[in-house]
């Protein structure tokens, strides 16, 4: 009877240890997978943000280019010496 309790304790210990190891492996795999997914999603969001900012900057600079072009057509900017009587 004493031997059977000892065997039962060993089997229980092995079962608990195996269960803990398997749970650890599953949790590690899930953690790695979710961190990889998070990296991919944040990278994708960063790409979208960068493209949006680039497009807005391009549009803003295009408007400024047009404004500078219009300013060059104004007489005070075409002949600055005439304006200051130099």
PDB file of N, CA and C in Angstrom:
ATOM      1  N   UNK A   1       0.818  -1.188   0.000  1.00  0.00           N
ATOM      2  CA  UNK A   1       0.000   0.000   0.000  1.00  0.00           C
ATOM      3  C   UNK A   1       0.874   1.269   0.000  1.00  0.00           C
ATOM      4  N   UNK A   2       1.957   1.243   0.792  1.00  0.00           N
ATOM      5  CA  UNK A   2       2.865   2.385   0.884  1.00  0.00           C
ATOM      6  C   UNK A   2       3.547   2.626  -0.462  1.00  0.00           C
ATOM      7  N   UNK A   3       3.891   1.547  -1.148  1.00  0.00           N
ATOM      8  CA  UNK A   3       4.545   1.659  -2.450  1.00  0.00           C
ATOM      9  C   UNK A   3       3.586   2.278  -3.466  1.00  0.00           C
ATOM     10  N   UNK A   4       2.323   1.949  -3.387  1.00  0.00           N
ATOM     11  CA  UNK A   4       1.339   2.476  -4.326  1.00  0.00           C
ATOM     12  C   UNK A   4       1.125   3.971  -4.115  1.00  0.00           C
ATOM     13  N   UNK A   5       1.187   4.446  -2.860  1.00  0.00           N
ATOM     14  CA  UNK A   5       1.053   5.878  -2.598  1.00  0.00           C
ATOM     15  C   UNK A   5       2.270   6.624  -3.160  1.00  0.00           C
ATOM     16  N   UNK A   6       3.445   6.034  -3.010  1.00  0.00           N
ATOM     17  CA  UNK A   6       4.652   6.661  -3.511  1.00  0.00           C
ATOM     18  C   UNK A   6       4.607   6.743  -5.050  1.00  0.00           C
ATOM     19  N   UNK A   7       4.147   5.675  -5.680  1.00  0.00           N
ATOM     20  CA  UNK A   7       4.013   5.650  -7.136  1.00  0.00           C
ATOM     21  C   UNK A   7       2.972   6.675  -7.588  1.00  0.00           C
ATOM     22  N   UNK A   8       1.897   6.766  -6.839  1.00  0.00           N
ATOM     23  CA  UNK A   8       0.849   7.730  -7.148  1.00  0.00           C
ATOM     24  C   UNK A   8       1.386   9.162  -7.033  1.00  0.00           C
ATOM     25  N   UNK A   9       2.201   9.426  -6.039  1.00  0.00           N
ATOM     26  CA  UNK A   9       2.804  10.745  -5.848  1.00  0.00           C
ATOM     27  C   UNK A   9       3.755  11.069  -6.995  1.00  0.00           C
ATOM     28  N   UNK A  10       4.530  10.080  -7.419  1.00  0.00           N
ATOM     29  CA  UNK A  10       5.463  10.288  -8.539  1.00  0.00           C
ATOM     30  C   UNK A  10       4.692  10.586  -9.817  1.00  0.00           C
ATOM     31  N   UNK A  11       3.653   9.812 -10.094  1.00  0.00           N
ATOM     32  CA  UNK A  11       2.842  10.041 -11.292  1.00  0.00           C
ATOM     33  C   UNK A  11       2.171  11.417 -11.245  1.00  0.00           C
ATOM     34  N   UNK A  12       1.680  11.788 -10.088  1.00  0.00           N
ATOM     35  CA  UNK A  12       1.051  13.108  -9.941  1.00  0.00           C
ATOM     36  C   UNK A  12       2.080  14.208 -10.176  1.00  0.00           C
ATOM     37  N   UNK A  13       3.267  14.050  -9.635  1.00  0.00           N
ATOM     38  CA  UNK A  13       4.322  15.041  -9.829  1.00  0.00           C
ATOM     39  C   UNK A  13       4.720  15.160 -11.287  1.00  0.00           C
ATOM     40  N   UNK A  14       4.871  14.016 -11.963  1.00  0.00           N
ATOM     41  CA  UNK A  14       5.234  14.019 -13.383  1.00  0.00           C
ATOM     42  C   UNK A  14       4.122  14.679 -14.197  1.00  0.00           C
ATOM     43  N   UNK A  15       2.875  14.367 -13.873  1.00  0.00           N
ATOM     44  CA  UNK A  15       1.741  14.946 -14.584  1.00  0.00           C
ATOM     45  C   UNK A  15       1.704  16.472 -14.392  1.00  0.00           C
ATOM     46  N   UNK A  16       1.884  16.920 -13.158  1.00  0.00           N
ATOM     47  CA  UNK A  16       1.873  18.358 -12.866  1.00  0.00           C
ATOM     48  C   UNK A  16       3.030  19.052 -13.568  1.00  0.00           C
ATOM     49  N   UNK A  17       4.218  18.456 -13.509  1.00  0.00           N
ATOM     50  CA  UNK A  17       5.387  19.046 -14.164  1.00  0.00           C
ATOM     51  C   UNK A  17       5.188  19.127 -15.681  1.00  0.00           C
ATOM     52  N   UNK A  18       4.680  18.035 -16.269  1.00  0.00           N
ATOM     53  CA  UNK A  18       4.419  18.013 -17.712  1.00  0.00           C
ATOM     54  C   UNK A  18       3.390  19.075 -18.081  1.00  0.00           C
ATOM     55  N   UNK A  19       2.348  19.180 -17.272  1.00  0.00           N
ATOM     56  CA  UNK A  19       1.309  20.172 -17.531  1.00  0.00           C
ATOM     57  C   UNK A  19       1.884  21.585 -17.463  1.00  0.00           C
ATOM     58  N   UNK A  20       2.701  21.865 -16.456  1.00  0.00           N
ATOM     59  CA  UNK A  20       3.304  23.194 -16.324  1.00  0.00           C
ATOM     60  C   UNK A  20       4.241  23.506 -17.490  1.00  0.00           C
ATOM     61  N   UNK A  21       5.010  22.518 -17.913  1.00  0.00           N
ATOM     62  CA  UNK A  21       5.916  22.724 -19.048  1.00  0.00           C
ATOM     63  C   UNK A  21       5.114  23.013 -20.315  1.00  0.00           C
ATOM     64  N   UNK A  22       4.057  22.250 -20.547  1.00  0.00           N
ATOM     65  CA  UNK A  22       3.229  22.475 -21.736  1.00  0.00           C
ATOM     66  C   UNK A  22       2.546  23.839 -21.687  1.00  0.00           C
ATOM     67  N   UNK A  23       2.058  24.217 -20.523  1.00  0.00           N
ATOM     68  CA  UNK A  23       1.438  25.540 -20.386  1.00  0.00           C
ATOM     69  C   UNK A  23       2.477  26.629 -20.654  1.00  0.00           C
ATOM     70  N   UNK A  24       3.682  26.454 -20.147  1.00  0.00           N
ATOM     71  CA  UNK A  24       4.751  27.424 -20.394  1.00  0.00           C
ATOM     72  C   UNK A  24       5.079  27.551 -21.870  1.00  0.00           C
ATOM     73  N   UNK A  25       5.126  26.418 -22.558  1.00  0.00           N
ATOM     74  CA  UNK A  25       5.423  26.435 -23.998  1.00  0.00           C
ATOM     75  C   UNK A  25       4.313  27.145 -24.756  1.00  0.00           C
ATOM     76  N   UNK A  26       3.067  26.823 -24.438  1.00  0.00           N
ATOM     77  CA  UNK A  26       1.926  27.443 -25.128  1.00  0.00           C
ATOM     78  C   UNK A  26       1.892  28.952 -24.870  1.00  0.00           C
ATOM     79  N   UNK A  27       2.126  29.351 -23.629  1.00  0.00           N
ATOM     80  CA  UNK A  27       2.128  30.780 -23.303  1.00  0.00           C
ATOM     81  C   UNK A  27       3.274  31.490 -24.025  1.00  0.00           C
ATOM     82  N   UNK A  28       4.434  30.871 -24.098  1.00  0.00           N
ATOM     83  CA  UNK A  28       5.572  31.480 -24.802  1.00  0.00           C
ATOM     84  C   UNK A  28       5.276  31.646 -26.288  1.00  0.00           C
ATOM     85  N   UNK A  29       4.727  30.621 -26.898  1.00  0.00           N
ATOM     86  CA  UNK A  29       4.392  30.689 -28.328  1.00  0.00           C
ATOM     87  C   UNK A  29       3.342  31.764 -28.567  1.00  0.00           C
ATOM     88  N   UNK A  30       2.315  31.807 -27.721  1.00  0.00           N
ATOM     89  CA  UNK A  30       1.273  32.823 -27.879  1.00  0.00           C
ATOM     90  C   UNK A  30       1.846  34.227 -27.700  1.00  0.00           C
ATOM     91  N   UNK A  31       2.742  34.397 -26.749  1.00  0.00           N
ATOM     92  CA  UNK A  31       3.369  35.704 -26.539  1.00  0.00           C
ATOM     93  C   UNK A  31       4.210  36.138 -27.727  1.00  0.00           C
ATOM     94  N   UNK A  32       4.995  35.207 -28.265  1.00  0.00           N
ATOM     95  CA  UNK A  32       5.819  35.532 -29.436  1.00  0.00           C
ATOM     96  C   UNK A  32       4.950  35.872 -30.639  1.00  0.00           C
ATOM     97  N   UNK A  33       3.888  35.089 -30.828  1.00  0.00           N
ATOM     98  CA  UNK A  33       2.990  35.326 -31.956  1.00  0.00           C
ATOM     99  C   UNK A  33       2.301  36.679 -31.828  1.00  0.00           C
ATOM    100  N   UNK A  34       1.840  37.009 -30.636  1.00  0.00           N
ATOM    101  CA  UNK A  34       1.145  38.281 -30.487  1.00  0.00           C
ATOM    102  C   UNK A  34       2.100  39.460 -30.573  1.00  0.00           C
ATOM    103  N   UNK A  35       3.327  39.319 -30.118  1.00  0.00           N
ATOM    104  CA  UNK A  35       4.287  40.424 -30.271  1.00  0.00           C
ATOM    105  C   UNK A  35       4.650  40.609 -31.745  1.00  0.00           C
ATOM    106  N   UNK A  36       4.738  39.522 -32.483  1.00  0.00           N
ATOM    107  CA  UNK A  36       5.005  39.615 -33.929  1.00  0.00           C
ATOM    108  C   UNK A  36       3.845  40.312 -34.637  1.00  0.00           C
ATOM    109  N   UNK A  37       2.612  39.935 -34.287  1.00  0.00           N
ATOM    110  CA  UNK A  37       1.439  40.576 -34.886  1.00  0.00           C
ATOM    111  C   UNK A  37       1.396  42.061 -34.551  1.00  0.00           C
ATOM    112  N   UNK A  38       1.732  42.391 -33.321  1.00  0.00           N
ATOM    113  CA  UNK A  38       1.738  43.793 -32.893  1.00  0.00           C
ATOM    114  C   UNK A  38       2.781  44.588 -33.669  1.00  0.00           C
ATOM    115  N   UNK A  39       3.965  44.003 -33.866  1.00  0.00           N
ATOM    116  CA  UNK A  39       5.007  44.677 -34.652  1.00  0.00           C
ATOM    117  C   UNK A  39       4.550  44.927 -36.089  1.00  0.00           C
ATOM    118  N   UNK A  40       3.909  43.929 -36.688  1.00  0.00           N
ATOM    119  CA  UNK A  40       3.452  44.074 -38.070  1.00  0.00           C
ATOM    120  C   UNK A  40       2.360  45.134 -38.176  1.00  0.00           C
ATOM    121  N   UNK A  41       1.415  45.122 -37.245  1.00  0.00           N
ATOM    122  CA  UNK A  41       0.331  46.096 -37.287  1.00  0.00           C
ATOM    123  C   UNK A  41       0.838  47.507 -37.047  1.00  0.00           C
ATOM    124  N   UNK A  42       1.733  47.676 -36.078  1.00  0.00           N
ATOM    125  CA  UNK A  42       2.249  49.021 -35.810  1.00  0.00           C
ATOM    126  C   UNK A  42       3.129  49.492 -36.965  1.00  0.00           C
ATOM    127  N   UNK A  43       3.859  48.581 -37.585  1.00  0.00           N
ATOM    128  CA  UNK A  43       4.658  48.943 -38.767  1.00  0.00           C
ATOM    129  C   UNK A  43       3.779  49.381 -39.916  1.00  0.00           C
ATOM    130  N   UNK A  44       2.680  48.656 -40.129  1.00  0.00           N
ATOM    131  CA  UNK A  44       1.731  49.032 -41.183  1.00  0.00           C
ATOM    132  C   UNK A  44       1.100  50.385 -40.908  1.00  0.00           C
ATOM    133  N   UNK A  45       0.738  50.628 -39.659  1.00  0.00           N
ATOM    134  CA  UNK A  45       0.153  51.919 -39.291  1.00  0.00           C
ATOM    135  C   UNK A  45       1.171  53.040 -39.489  1.00  0.00           C
ATOM    136  N   UNK A  46       2.427  52.760 -39.183  1.00  0.00           N
ATOM    137  CA  UNK A  46       3.479  53.760 -39.363  1.00  0.00           C
ATOM    138  C   UNK A  46       3.679  54.088 -40.841  1.00  0.00           C
ATOM    139  N   UNK A  47       3.603  53.081 -41.694  1.00  0.00           N
ATOM    140  CA  UNK A  47       3.740  53.305 -43.135  1.00  0.00           C
ATOM    141  C   UNK A  47       2.600  54.188 -43.637  1.00  0.00           C
ATOM    142  N   UNK A  48       1.384  53.890 -43.194  1.00  0.00           N
ATOM    143  CA  UNK A  48       0.223  54.692 -43.616  1.00  0.00           C
ATOM    144  C   UNK A  48       0.380  56.128 -43.141  1.00  0.00           C
ATOM    145  N   UNK A  49       0.802  56.314 -41.905  1.00  0.00           N
ATOM    146  CA  UNK A  49       0.993  57.662 -41.369  1.00  0.00           C
ATOM    147  C   UNK A  49       2.073  58.408 -42.148  1.00  0.00           C
ATOM    148  N   UNK A  50       3.163  57.737 -42.449  1.00  0.00           N
ATOM    149  CA  UNK A  50       4.248  58.383 -43.194  1.00  0.00           C
ATOM    150  C   UNK A  50       3.788  58.778 -44.600  1.00  0.00           C
ATOM    151  N   UNK A  51       3.039  57.914 -45.264  1.00  0.00           N
ATOM    152  CA  UNK A  51       2.542  58.248 -46.602  1.00  0.00           C
ATOM    153  C   UNK A  51       1.581  59.416 -46.554  1.00  0.00           C
ATOM    154  N   UNK A  52       0.700  59.440 -45.552  1.00  0.00           N
ATOM    155  CA  UNK A  52      -0.251  60.539 -45.407  1.00  0.00           C
ATOM    156  C   UNK A  52       0.484  61.852 -45.168  1.00  0.00           C
ATOM    157  N   UNK A  53       1.461  61.822 -44.276  1.00  0.00           N
ATOM    158  CA  UNK A  53       2.232  63.038 -44.003  1.00  0.00           C
ATOM    159  C   UNK A  53       2.998  63.487 -45.244  1.00  0.00           C
ATOM    160  N   UNK A  54       3.560  62.551 -45.976  1.00  0.00           N
ATOM    161  CA  UNK A  54       4.279  62.890 -47.203  1.00  0.00           C
ATOM    162  C   UNK A  54       3.371  63.533 -48.228  1.00  0.00           C
ATOM    163  N   UNK A  55       2.166  62.988 -48.391  1.00  0.00           N
ATOM    164  CA  UNK A  55       1.214  63.560 -49.339  1.00  0.00           C
ATOM    165  C   UNK A  55       0.779  64.957 -48.909  1.00  0.00           C
ATOM    166  N   UNK A  56       0.527  65.145 -47.620  1.00  0.00           N
ATOM    167  CA  UNK A  56       0.132  66.466 -47.132  1.00  0.00           C
ATOM    168  C   UNK A  56       1.261  67.472 -47.307  1.00  0.00           C
ATOM    169  N   UNK A  57       2.481  67.057 -47.024  1.00  0.00           N
ATOM    170  CA  UNK A  57       3.624  67.948 -47.210  1.00  0.00           C
ATOM    171  C   UNK A  57       3.797  68.303 -48.681  1.00  0.00           C
ATOM    172  N   UNK A  58       3.622  67.324 -49.553  1.00  0.00           N
ATOM    173  CA  UNK A  58       3.738  67.564 -50.985  1.00  0.00           C
ATOM    174  C   UNK A  58       2.691  68.574 -51.440  1.00  0.00           C
ATOM    175  N   UNK A  59       1.465  68.401 -50.985  1.00  0.00           N
ATOM    176  CA  UNK A  59       0.392  69.326 -51.368  1.00  0.00           C
ATOM    177  C   UNK A  59       0.674  70.729 -50.808  1.00  0.00           C
ATOM    178  N   UNK A  60       1.108  70.791 -49.565  1.00  0.00           N
ATOM    179  CA  UNK A  60       1.418  72.078 -48.946  1.00  0.00           C
ATOM    180  C   UNK A  60       2.534  72.787 -49.710  1.00  0.00           C
ATOM    181  N   UNK A  61       3.576  72.055 -50.059  1.00  0.00           N
ATOM    182  CA  UNK A  61       4.697  72.652 -50.782  1.00  0.00           C
ATOM    183  C   UNK A  61       4.264  73.086 -52.195  1.00  0.00           C
ATOM    184  N   UNK A  62       3.360  72.334 -52.810  1.00  0.00           N
ATOM    185  CA  UNK A  62       2.870  72.700 -54.139  1.00  0.00           C
ATOM    186  C   UNK A  62       2.114  74.032 -54.074  1.00  0.00           C
ATOM    187  N   UNK A  63       1.310  74.217 -53.022  1.00  0.00           N
ATOM    188  CA  UNK A  63       0.604  75.485 -52.853  1.00  0.00           C
ATOM    189  C   UNK A  63       1.583  76.630 -52.626  1.00  0.00           C
ATOM    190  N   UNK A  64       2.607  76.394 -51.798  1.00  0.00           N
ATOM    191  CA  UNK A  64       3.608  77.431 -51.550  1.00  0.00           C
ATOM    192  C   UNK A  64       4.355  77.771 -52.846  1.00  0.00           C
ATOM    193  N   UNK A  65       4.621  76.767 -53.669  1.00  0.00           N
ATOM    194  CA  UNK A  65       5.279  76.988 -54.954  1.00  0.00           C
ATOM    195  C   UNK A  65       4.418  77.898 -55.830  1.00  0.00           C
ATOM    196  N   UNK A  66       3.118  77.630 -55.838  1.00  0.00           N
ATOM    197  CA  UNK A  66       2.207  78.467 -56.617  1.00  0.00           C
ATOM    198  C   UNK A  66       2.161  79.893 -56.095  1.00  0.00           C
ATOM    199  N   UNK A  67       2.179  80.050 -54.776  1.00  0.00           N
ATOM    200  CA  UNK A  67       2.167  81.388 -54.191  1.00  0.00           C
ATOM    201  C   UNK A  67       3.439  82.151 -54.541  1.00  0.00           C
ATOM    202  N   UNK A  68       4.572  81.489 -54.487  1.00  0.00           N
ATOM    203  CA  UNK A  68       5.838  82.134 -54.845  1.00  0.00           C
ATOM    204  C   UNK A  68       5.818  82.516 -56.319  1.00  0.00           C
ATOM    205  N   UNK A  69       5.245  81.653 -57.138  1.00  0.00           N
ATOM    206  CA  UNK A  69       5.131  81.983 -58.567  1.00  0.00           C
ATOM    207  C   UNK A  69       4.281  83.217 -58.788  1.00  0.00           C
ATOM    208  N   UNK A  70       3.185  83.346 -58.040  1.00  0.00           N
ATOM    209  CA  UNK A  70       2.334  84.530 -58.169  1.00  0.00           C
ATOM    210  C   UNK A  70       3.054  85.773 -57.664  1.00  0.00           C
ATOM    211  N   UNK A  71       3.822  85.635 -56.571  1.00  0.00           N
ATOM    212  CA  UNK A  71       4.556  86.778 -56.035  1.00  0.00           C
ATOM    213  C   UNK A  71       5.606  87.286 -57.024  1.00  0.00           C
ATOM    214  N   UNK A  72       6.192  86.398 -57.791  1.00  0.00           N
ATOM    215  CA  UNK A  72       7.208  86.826 -58.757  1.00  0.00           C
ATOM    216  C   UNK A  72       6.594  87.647 -59.882  1.00  0.00           C
ATOM    217  N   UNK A  73       5.288  87.556 -60.060  1.00  0.00           N
ATOM    218  CA  UNK A  73       4.624  88.326 -61.101  1.00  0.00           C
ATOM    219  C   UNK A  73       4.294  89.751 -60.640  1.00  0.00           C
ATOM    220  N   UNK A  74       4.368  90.018 -59.351  1.00  0.00           N
ATOM    221  CA  UNK A  74       4.055  91.352 -58.841  1.00  0.00           C
ATOM    222  C   UNK A  74       5.215  92.309 -59.094  1.00  0.00           C
ATOM    223  N   UNK A  75       4.873  93.508 -59.442  1.00  0.00           N
ATOM    224  CA  UNK A  75       5.875  94.515 -59.824  1.00  0.00           C
ATOM    225  C   UNK A  75       6.908  94.793 -58.738  1.00  0.00           C
ATOM    226  N   UNK A  76       6.539  94.970 -57.472  1.00  0.00           N
ATOM    227  CA  UNK A  76       7.579  95.256 -56.464  1.00  0.00           C
ATOM    228  C   UNK A  76       8.623  94.144 -56.337  1.00  0.00           C
ATOM    229  N   UNK A  77       8.234  92.940 -56.653  1.00  0.00           N
ATOM    230  CA  UNK A  77       9.198  91.839 -56.562  1.00  0.00           C
ATOM    231  C   UNK A  77       9.978  91.660 -57.857  1.00  0.00           C
ATOM    232  N   UNK A  78       9.427  92.157 -58.958  1.00  0.00           N
ATOM    233  CA  UNK A  78      10.129  92.035 -60.232  1.00  0.00           C
ATOM    234  C   UNK A  78      11.206  93.112 -60.357  1.00  0.00           C
ATOM    235  N   UNK A  79      10.934  94.313 -59.864  1.00  0.00           N
ATOM    236  CA  UNK A  79      11.880  95.422 -59.930  1.00  0.00           C
ATOM    237  C   UNK A  79      12.046  96.021 -58.531  1.00  0.00           C
ATOM    238  N   UNK A  80      12.791  95.394 -57.652  1.00  0.00           N
ATOM    239  CA  UNK A  80      12.905  95.925 -56.293  1.00  0.00           C
ATOM    240  C   UNK A  80      13.661  97.258 -56.222  1.00  0.00           C
ATOM    241  N   UNK A  81      14.565  97.546 -57.162  1.00  0.00           N
ATOM    242  CA  UNK A  81      15.307  98.814 -57.141  1.00  0.00           C
ATOM    243  C   UNK A  81      14.385  99.981 -57.421  1.00  0.00           C
ATOM    244  N   UNK A  82      13.439  99.770 -58.271  1.00  0.00           N
ATOM    245  CA  UNK A  82      12.485 100.824 -58.610  1.00  0.00           C
ATOM    246  C   UNK A  82      11.658 101.206 -57.396  1.00  0.00           C
ATOM    247  N   UNK A  83      11.339 100.240 -56.596  1.00  0.00           N
ATOM    248  CA  UNK A  83      10.508 100.463 -55.425  1.00  0.00           C
ATOM    249  C   UNK A  83      11.260 101.308 -54.394  1.00  0.00           C
ATOM    250  N   UNK A  84      12.542 101.053 -54.227  1.00  0.00           N
ATOM    251  CA  UNK A  84      13.326 101.765 -53.220  1.00  0.00           C
ATOM    252  C   UNK A  84      14.101 102.954 -53.798  1.00  0.00           C
ATOM    253  N   UNK A  85      13.887 103.229 -55.047  1.00  0.00           N
ATOM    254  CA  UNK A  85      14.551 104.346 -55.729  1.00  0.00           C
ATOM    255  C   UNK A  85      16.068 104.248 -55.641  1.00  0.00           C
ATOM    256  N   UNK A  86      16.611 103.089 -55.955  1.00  0.00           N
ATOM    257  CA  UNK A  86      18.057 102.905 -55.905  1.00  0.00           C
ATOM    258  C   UNK A  86      18.671 103.164 -57.237  1.00  0.00           C
TER     259      UNK A  86
END
